[in-house]
Protein backbone atom coordinates (compact mmCIF):
# COMPACT_ATOMS: atom_id res chain seq x y z
CA MET A 1 0.00 0.00 0.00
CA GLN A 2 0.98 3.60 -0.55
CA ILE A 3 0.46 5.26 2.83
CA ALA A 4 0.69 8.93 3.82
CA MET A 5 1.29 9.88 7.46
CA VAL A 6 0.17 13.39 8.39
CA ASP A 7 1.18 14.40 11.90
CA ASP A 8 3.23 17.21 13.40
CA CYS A 9 4.49 15.05 16.29
CA LEU A 10 7.71 13.33 15.24
CA ASP A 11 7.59 10.83 18.11
CA ASP A 12 4.15 9.63 17.00
CA VAL A 13 5.30 9.41 13.39
CA LYS A 14 8.32 7.34 14.43
CA ARG A 15 6.06 4.93 16.33
CA LEU A 16 3.68 4.63 13.37
CA LYS A 17 6.56 3.88 11.01
CA GLU A 18 7.77 1.12 13.35
CA TYR A 19 4.24 -0.32 13.48
CA LEU A 20 3.87 -0.19 9.69
CA VAL A 21 7.18 -1.96 9.14
CA ARG A 22 6.28 -4.65 11.67
CA TYR A 23 2.80 -5.07 10.21
CA GLY A 24 4.24 -5.47 6.72
CA GLN A 25 6.71 -8.09 7.93
CA GLU A 26 4.03 -10.07 9.77
CA THR A 27 1.50 -9.99 6.94
CA GLY A 28 3.89 -10.21 4.01
CA THR A 29 2.61 -6.94 2.54
CA LYS A 30 4.70 -4.20 1.00
CA ASN A 31 3.92 -0.79 2.45
CA ASP A 32 5.54 2.39 1.19
CA PHE A 33 4.97 5.49 3.31
CA TRP A 34 5.54 9.21 3.12
CA TYR A 35 5.56 11.76 5.92
CA PHE A 36 3.86 15.17 5.96
CA SER A 37 4.19 17.46 8.97
CA ASP A 38 0.96 19.36 8.20
CA ALA A 39 -2.26 18.96 6.25
CA GLU A 40 -1.47 21.76 3.77
CA SER A 41 1.61 20.00 2.42
CA PHE A 42 -0.32 16.73 2.13
CA LEU A 43 -3.21 18.38 0.27
CA SER A 44 -0.79 20.07 -2.13
CA SER A 45 0.87 16.74 -2.90
CA ASN A 46 -0.33 14.16 -5.42
CA HIS A 47 -2.62 12.71 -2.74
CA SER A 48 -4.60 10.71 -5.29
CA ALA A 49 -1.57 8.40 -5.55
CA PHE A 50 -2.01 7.20 -1.95
CA ASP A 51 -4.15 4.25 -0.92
CA MET A 52 -4.45 5.41 2.65
CA VAL A 53 -3.72 8.35 4.94
CA ILE A 54 -3.10 8.05 8.69
CA MET A 55 -3.77 11.53 10.00
CA ASP A 56 -3.76 13.47 13.25
CA ILE A 57 -6.45 16.08 13.85
CA ASP A 58 -4.80 18.76 15.98
CA MET A 59 -2.14 20.25 13.70
CA PRO A 60 -0.95 23.75 12.77
CA GLY A 61 -3.00 25.34 9.99
CA ILE A 62 -5.71 23.10 8.55
CA ASN A 63 -6.79 20.45 11.02
CA GLY A 64 -7.26 16.82 10.06
CA ILE A 65 -11.07 16.96 9.85
CA ASP A 66 -11.05 19.93 7.47
CA ALA A 67 -8.34 18.27 5.38
CA ALA A 68 -10.50 15.15 5.11
CA ARG A 69 -13.49 17.28 4.06
CA LYS A 70 -11.42 18.84 1.29
CA LEU A 71 -10.43 15.37 0.06
CA ARG A 72 -14.04 14.19 -0.03
CA GLN A 73 -15.19 17.39 -1.77
CA LYS A 74 -12.73 16.57 -4.54
CA GLY A 75 -14.18 13.06 -4.80
CA ASN A 76 -11.06 11.41 -3.40
CA ARG A 77 -11.96 7.97 -2.00
CA ILE A 78 -8.67 7.52 -0.13
CA VAL A 79 -8.97 5.42 3.04
CA ILE A 80 -8.65 7.72 6.07
CA MET A 81 -7.63 6.62 9.55
CA PHE A 82 -7.48 9.25 12.27
CA VAL A 83 -4.97 8.67 15.06
CA THR A 84 -5.40 11.48 17.56
CA ASN A 85 -5.74 12.49 21.19
CA MET A 86 -9.00 14.41 20.56
CA PRO A 87 -12.02 12.16 21.23
CA GLN A 88 -14.47 15.05 20.78
CA TYR A 89 -14.05 14.90 16.98
CA ALA A 90 -15.04 11.24 16.65
CA LEU A 91 -18.46 11.98 15.12
CA ALA A 92 -16.95 14.39 12.58
CA GLY A 93 -14.43 11.70 11.71
CA TYR A 94 -17.12 9.28 10.66
CA GLU A 95 -18.97 12.03 8.77
CA VAL A 96 -15.99 12.19 6.39
CA GLU A 97 -16.14 8.39 6.07
CA ALA A 98 -13.01 7.66 8.07
CA VAL A 99 -12.42 3.93 8.30
CA ASP A 100 -11.41 4.33 11.94
CA TYR A 101 -10.93 6.90 14.68
CA VAL A 102 -8.19 5.82 17.07
CA LEU A 103 -7.06 7.52 20.26
CA LYS A 104 -3.42 7.92 21.22
CA PRO A 105 -1.41 6.24 22.63
CA LEU A 106 -1.93 3.31 20.28
CA SER A 107 -0.58 -0.16 21.04
CA TYR A 108 0.74 -2.33 18.23
CA GLN A 109 -1.94 -4.96 18.78
CA ASP A 110 -4.70 -2.37 18.33
CA PHE A 111 -2.93 -0.89 15.33
CA ALA A 112 -2.65 -4.29 13.60
CA LEU A 113 -6.40 -4.86 14.01
CA LYS A 114 -7.17 -1.42 12.59
CA MET A 115 -4.83 -2.03 9.66
CA GLN A 116 -6.57 -5.30 8.81
CA LYS A 117 -9.85 -3.41 8.51
CA ALA A 118 -8.26 -0.55 6.57
CA SER A 119 -6.62 -3.00 4.18
CA ARG A 120 -10.03 -4.43 3.27
CA TYR A 121 -11.21 -0.92 2.42
CA VAL A 122 -8.11 -0.28 0.31
CA GLN A 123 -8.63 -3.51 -1.57
CA ARG A 124 -12.21 -2.67 -2.47
CA ASN A 125 -11.15 0.80 -3.64
CA ARG A 126 -8.86 -0.77 -6.23
CA ASP A 127 -11.17 -0.75 -9.13
CA ALA A 128 -12.31 -3.54 -11.35
CA VAL A 129 -13.44 -3.09 -14.94
CA ILE A 130 -16.23 -5.03 -16.61
CA SER A 131 -17.06 -5.30 -20.31
CA LEU A 132 -20.65 -4.73 -21.42
CA GLN A 133 -22.23 -5.52 -24.76
CA THR A 134 -24.61 -2.57 -24.90
CA THR A 135 -27.18 -1.77 -27.56
CA GLU A 136 -24.63 0.73 -28.91
CA GLY A 137 -21.63 -1.62 -28.90
CA MET A 138 -19.04 -3.01 -26.51
CA ILE A 139 -17.82 -0.76 -23.69
CA SER A 140 -15.52 -1.10 -20.67
CA LEU A 141 -16.94 0.29 -17.45
CA GLN A 142 -15.30 0.78 -14.07
CA VAL A 143 -17.32 -0.96 -11.39
CA SER A 144 -17.00 2.08 -9.10
CA GLU A 145 -18.84 4.21 -11.67
CA ILE A 146 -21.99 2.12 -11.48
CA LEU A 147 -24.60 3.60 -9.16
CA TYR A 148 -27.10 0.78 -9.63
CA VAL A 149 -28.39 -1.71 -12.16
CA GLU A 150 -32.11 -1.81 -12.98
CA SER A 151 -33.93 -4.57 -14.83
CA ALA A 152 -36.53 -3.88 -17.51
CA LEU A 153 -38.02 -6.91 -19.24
CA HIS A 154 -35.08 -8.73 -20.87
CA TYR A 155 -32.71 -5.78 -20.50
CA LEU A 156 -30.59 -4.23 -17.76
CA MET A 157 -29.86 -0.54 -17.37
CA TYR A 158 -26.40 0.18 -15.89
CA CYS A 159 -26.85 3.65 -14.37
CA THR A 160 -23.90 5.97 -13.76
CA ASN A 161 -23.52 9.70 -13.11
CA ARG A 162 -22.34 10.19 -16.69
CA GLU A 163 -24.62 7.97 -18.73
CA ASN A 164 -26.92 4.95 -18.62
CA TRP A 165 -26.05 1.81 -20.56
CA LYS A 166 -28.64 -0.67 -21.84
CA VAL A 167 -27.57 -4.32 -21.91
CA ARG A 168 -29.47 -7.47 -22.73
CA GLY A 169 -29.26 -9.77 -19.71
CA SER A 170 -30.79 -10.93 -16.44
CA MET A 171 -30.56 -9.53 -12.93
CA THR A 172 -29.32 -12.91 -11.74
CA GLN A 173 -26.33 -12.65 -14.11
CA ALA A 174 -25.60 -9.07 -13.01
CA GLU A 175 -25.79 -9.99 -9.33
CA LYS A 176 -23.40 -12.89 -9.82
CA GLU A 177 -20.89 -10.65 -11.60
CA LEU A 178 -21.16 -7.60 -9.34
CA GLY A 179 -21.88 -9.22 -5.97
CA PRO A 180 -18.17 -9.55 -5.07
CA PHE A 181 -17.83 -5.76 -5.54
CA ARG A 182 -20.32 -4.89 -2.76
CA PHE A 183 -23.57 -4.70 -4.65
CA ALA A 184 -26.88 -5.71 -3.07
CA ARG A 185 -30.50 -5.74 -4.20
CA CYS A 186 -32.81 -3.22 -2.55
CA ASN A 187 -35.72 -4.83 -4.40
CA SER A 188 -36.09 -7.61 -6.95
CA GLY A 189 -35.39 -5.29 -9.89
CA ILE A 190 -32.60 -3.01 -8.64
CA LEU A 191 -29.01 -3.91 -7.70
CA VAL A 192 -27.31 -1.12 -5.74
CA ASN A 193 -23.60 -0.26 -5.48
CA LEU A 194 -23.27 0.10 -1.69
CA ARG A 195 -20.35 2.51 -1.95
CA HIS A 196 -22.68 5.12 -3.48
CA VAL A 197 -25.43 4.93 -0.85
CA GLN A 198 -25.96 8.45 0.50
CA ALA A 199 -28.71 7.69 3.02
CA ILE A 200 -31.48 5.29 3.89
CA GLU A 201 -34.76 7.00 4.72
CA LYS A 202 -37.71 4.84 5.72
CA GLU A 203 -38.47 2.72 2.63
CA ASP A 204 -36.04 4.51 0.31
CA VAL A 205 -32.34 4.35 -0.38
CA LEU A 206 -30.78 7.56 -1.71
CA ILE A 207 -28.11 7.08 -4.33
CA GLY A 208 -26.80 9.57 -6.88
CA GLY A 209 -29.51 12.01 -5.85
CA ARG A 210 -32.21 9.46 -6.71
CA ARG A 211 -34.66 7.60 -4.48
CA LEU A 212 -34.96 3.85 -4.93
CA LYS A 213 -37.53 1.73 -3.12
CA ILE A 214 -36.47 -0.90 -0.61
CA SER A 215 -38.96 -3.74 -0.79
CA ARG A 216 -40.21 -5.51 2.30
CA GLY A 217 -38.85 -8.83 1.07
CA LYS A 218 -35.34 -7.49 0.46
CA ARG A 219 -35.08 -5.03 3.35
CA LEU A 220 -33.39 -7.26 5.94
CA GLU A 221 -30.90 -8.69 3.45
CA PHE A 222 -30.11 -5.25 2.05
CA MET A 223 -29.66 -3.63 5.47
CA ASN A 224 -27.40 -6.47 6.60
CA ALA A 225 -25.28 -6.11 3.46
CA PHE A 226 -25.00 -2.35 4.01
CA ALA A 227 -24.03 -2.82 7.67
CA ARG A 228 -21.29 -5.27 6.64
CA TYR A 229 -20.06 -2.77 4.06
CA LEU A 230 -19.88 0.08 6.60
CA GLY A 231 -18.06 -2.16 9.05
CA GLY A 232 -15.49 -3.21 6.50
CA MET A 233 -16.71 -6.80 6.72
CA ALA A 234 -17.53 -7.08 3.03
């Protein structure tokens, strides 16, 4: 993994580097890491090249929460882990979709558990591409672009923010292909990309600014799938 560490405390950075090296040795993973002493220098870097950022909150200039907000506003899906001594910002941390919010001092055992969870998030951010034989010809589509797939008679509509693609096929086939990439049915005719879920309100799921119905028969299965997604279990 390509990991950025953003913290103005050199002692904490040194400890994190030791933990990352040890974690890599124990798991057989290669981790490259870069150090930034403040959020401004991190934001001005090529941050899209990183898989993950481990960030403090209380730093000179822009704090960690505001830096995370700027990343999300730019559409950056980087995995964020806060390691801080400020518990009062925990709620804000999850609002910017941080994978974890960890209080200092951090033991290695706790860190290793957090890294296992973060690694699952990194893995699912690494995009897959599928090929679709649409009514207009063959296209390649990144799985992360798909908001949801909707069935209509013998056709499927692959809906994205840019365009919708019509493909001849069955929902069963689509679910088999996309299920491993964290898709779940909210009703019998719609397969939702869980990473794009904005909110769940009563009987609706909000995705891409659109409201999709959650059927009674699919509700429990869909909510369980979404809970596993949020917890990094899927």
